[in-house]
N, C-alpha and C. Protein backbone atom coordinates (compact mmCIF):
# COMPACT_ATOMS: atom_id res chain seq x y z
N MET A 1 92.82 120.00 82.21
CA MET A 1 93.98 119.16 82.06
C MET A 1 95.11 119.72 82.93
N ALA A 2 95.91 118.86 83.48
CA ALA A 2 96.99 119.27 84.38
C ALA A 2 98.11 119.96 83.61
N PHE A 3 98.82 120.83 84.31
CA PHE A 3 99.94 121.55 83.72
C PHE A 3 100.93 120.60 83.07
N GLU A 4 101.27 119.53 83.78
CA GLU A 4 102.26 118.58 83.27
C GLU A 4 101.79 117.94 81.97
N ASP A 5 100.50 117.62 81.88
CA ASP A 5 99.95 117.04 80.67
C ASP A 5 100.04 118.02 79.50
N ASN A 6 99.69 119.26 79.76
CA ASN A 6 99.78 120.29 78.72
C ASN A 6 101.21 120.49 78.27
N LEU A 7 102.14 120.46 79.20
CA LEU A 7 103.55 120.64 78.86
C LEU A 7 104.04 119.49 78.00
N LYS A 8 103.64 118.27 78.32
CA LYS A 8 104.03 117.11 77.51
C LYS A 8 103.45 117.20 76.10
N LYS A 9 102.19 117.65 76.00
CA LYS A 9 101.59 117.82 74.67
C LYS A 9 102.36 118.87 73.87
N LEU A 10 102.74 119.95 74.54
CA LEU A 10 103.50 121.01 73.89
C LEU A 10 104.85 120.48 73.41
N GLU A 11 105.53 119.72 74.26
CA GLU A 11 106.82 119.15 73.88
C GLU A 11 106.66 118.21 72.69
N GLY A 12 105.57 117.45 72.67
CA GLY A 12 105.31 116.56 71.53
C GLY A 12 105.10 117.33 70.24
N LEU A 13 104.36 118.43 70.33
CA LEU A 13 104.14 119.26 69.14
C LEU A 13 105.45 119.85 68.63
N VAL A 14 106.28 120.32 69.55
CA VAL A 14 107.57 120.89 69.16
C VAL A 14 108.43 119.83 68.47
N ALA A 15 108.44 118.63 69.03
CA ALA A 15 109.23 117.55 68.43
C ALA A 15 108.75 117.24 67.01
N LYS A 16 107.43 117.20 66.81
CA LYS A 16 106.89 116.95 65.47
C LYS A 16 107.29 118.06 64.51
N MET A 17 107.19 119.30 64.99
CA MET A 17 107.52 120.43 64.14
C MET A 17 109.01 120.43 63.78
N GLU A 18 109.84 120.09 64.74
CA GLU A 18 111.29 120.09 64.49
C GLU A 18 111.71 118.92 63.60
N SER A 19 110.90 117.87 63.55
CA SER A 19 111.26 116.69 62.76
C SER A 19 111.24 116.97 61.26
N GLY A 20 110.45 117.95 60.86
CA GLY A 20 110.33 118.26 59.45
C GLY A 20 109.38 117.33 58.72
N ALA A 21 108.68 116.47 59.44
CA ALA A 21 107.80 115.49 58.82
C ALA A 21 106.41 116.03 58.51
N LEU A 22 106.09 117.22 59.01
CA LEU A 22 104.74 117.78 58.81
C LEU A 22 104.69 118.60 57.54
N ASP A 23 103.55 118.53 56.83
CA ASP A 23 103.36 119.42 55.70
C ASP A 23 102.97 120.81 56.24
N LEU A 24 102.86 121.76 55.37
CA LEU A 24 102.62 123.14 55.80
C LEU A 24 101.33 123.29 56.60
N ASP A 25 100.25 122.67 56.14
CA ASP A 25 98.98 122.79 56.86
C ASP A 25 99.08 122.17 58.25
N ALA A 26 99.71 121.02 58.36
CA ALA A 26 99.88 120.37 59.66
C ALA A 26 100.80 121.20 60.56
N MET A 27 101.81 121.83 59.97
CA MET A 27 102.73 122.67 60.74
C MET A 27 101.98 123.88 61.31
N ILE A 28 101.14 124.49 60.49
CA ILE A 28 100.36 125.65 60.96
C ILE A 28 99.40 125.23 62.07
N LYS A 29 98.74 124.10 61.90
CA LYS A 29 97.82 123.59 62.94
C LYS A 29 98.59 123.30 64.23
N ALA A 30 99.75 122.67 64.12
CA ALA A 30 100.57 122.37 65.30
C ALA A 30 101.00 123.67 65.98
N PHE A 31 101.35 124.67 65.19
CA PHE A 31 101.76 125.96 65.75
C PHE A 31 100.60 126.61 66.50
N GLU A 32 99.41 126.59 65.91
CA GLU A 32 98.24 127.16 66.57
C GLU A 32 97.93 126.42 67.87
N ASP A 33 97.97 125.10 67.81
CA ASP A 33 97.73 124.30 69.02
C ASP A 33 98.79 124.59 70.08
N GLY A 34 100.02 124.73 69.64
CA GLY A 34 101.11 125.03 70.56
C GLY A 34 100.94 126.38 71.24
N ARG A 35 100.54 127.37 70.47
CA ARG A 35 100.30 128.71 71.05
C ARG A 35 99.22 128.66 72.11
N ALA A 36 98.16 127.89 71.85
CA ALA A 36 97.08 127.75 72.82
C ALA A 36 97.59 127.05 74.09
N LEU A 37 98.41 126.03 73.92
CA LEU A 37 98.98 125.33 75.08
C LEU A 37 99.91 126.24 75.88
N VAL A 38 100.69 127.05 75.19
CA VAL A 38 101.59 128.00 75.87
C VAL A 38 100.76 128.97 76.71
N ALA A 39 99.68 129.48 76.15
CA ALA A 39 98.83 130.42 76.88
C ALA A 39 98.23 129.74 78.12
N THR A 40 97.79 128.51 77.96
CA THR A 40 97.22 127.77 79.10
C THR A 40 98.27 127.54 80.17
N CYS A 41 99.46 127.12 79.77
CA CYS A 41 100.55 126.88 80.73
C CYS A 41 100.93 128.18 81.46
N GLN A 42 101.01 129.28 80.72
CA GLN A 42 101.33 130.56 81.36
C GLN A 42 100.26 130.95 82.37
N LYS A 43 99.01 130.74 82.03
CA LYS A 43 97.91 131.04 82.96
C LYS A 43 98.02 130.18 84.21
N ASP A 44 98.30 128.89 84.03
CA ASP A 44 98.46 127.99 85.17
C ASP A 44 99.62 128.42 86.06
N LEU A 45 100.75 128.78 85.45
CA LEU A 45 101.91 129.20 86.23
C LEU A 45 101.63 130.50 86.98
N GLU A 46 100.90 131.41 86.36
CA GLU A 46 100.55 132.66 87.03
C GLU A 46 99.65 132.38 88.23
N SER A 47 98.73 131.46 88.08
CA SER A 47 97.86 131.08 89.19
C SER A 47 98.67 130.51 90.35
N VAL A 48 99.62 129.66 90.04
CA VAL A 48 100.48 129.08 91.07
C VAL A 48 101.31 130.18 91.75
N ARG A 49 101.84 131.10 90.95
CA ARG A 49 102.64 132.20 91.51
C ARG A 49 101.82 133.02 92.50
N LEU A 50 100.58 133.31 92.13
CA LEU A 50 99.72 134.09 93.02
C LEU A 50 99.40 133.33 94.31
N ARG A 51 99.18 132.03 94.18
CA ARG A 51 98.92 131.21 95.38
C ARG A 51 100.14 131.20 96.30
N ILE A 52 101.33 131.10 95.72
CA ILE A 52 102.55 131.10 96.52
C ILE A 52 102.73 132.44 97.21
N GLU A 53 102.48 133.53 96.49
CA GLU A 53 102.56 134.86 97.09
C GLU A 53 101.60 134.98 98.26
N LYS A 54 100.38 134.50 98.08
CA LYS A 54 99.37 134.58 99.13
C LYS A 54 99.82 133.80 100.37
N VAL A 55 100.34 132.62 100.17
CA VAL A 55 100.79 131.78 101.29
C VAL A 55 101.98 132.42 101.99
N THR A 56 102.93 132.93 101.23
CA THR A 56 104.12 133.52 101.87
C THR A 56 103.78 134.82 102.58
N LYS A 57 102.85 135.59 102.04
CA LYS A 57 102.44 136.82 102.72
C LYS A 57 101.69 136.49 104.01
N ALA A 58 100.84 135.49 103.96
CA ALA A 58 100.10 135.08 105.15
C ALA A 58 101.07 134.56 106.21
N GLY A 59 102.08 133.83 105.79
CA GLY A 59 103.08 133.30 106.73
C GLY A 59 103.95 134.39 107.32
N ALA A 60 104.17 135.47 106.57
CA ALA A 60 105.01 136.56 107.05
C ALA A 60 104.32 137.35 108.16
N CYS A 61 103.00 137.33 108.18
CA CYS A 61 102.24 138.07 109.18
C CYS A 61 102.15 137.32 110.51
N THR A 62 102.31 136.03 110.47
CA THR A 62 102.18 135.23 111.66
C THR A 62 103.56 134.77 112.12
N PRO A 63 103.99 135.23 113.30
CA PRO A 63 105.32 134.82 113.77
C PRO A 63 105.35 133.32 114.07
N LEU A 64 106.47 132.72 113.79
CA LEU A 64 106.65 131.31 114.09
C LEU A 64 106.88 131.12 115.59
N PRO A 65 106.38 130.04 116.15
CA PRO A 65 106.61 129.80 117.58
C PRO A 65 108.09 129.51 117.83
N PRO A 66 108.56 129.87 119.03
CA PRO A 66 109.99 129.63 119.32
C PRO A 66 110.33 128.17 119.47
């Protein structure tokens, strides 16, 4: 699933939790699902960060034409 999709799901879970409409069991399930989504999003962002570092390092080694 795409980062943006996971982020929207996470935002939806937070909104449900903040609404106060969930019972305790549903709140715990939403929290667990949210933690898993946070971990996935962090992993995705780390992957992007590493790709950006790789590209910028590769670009730093090659001089730009005048």
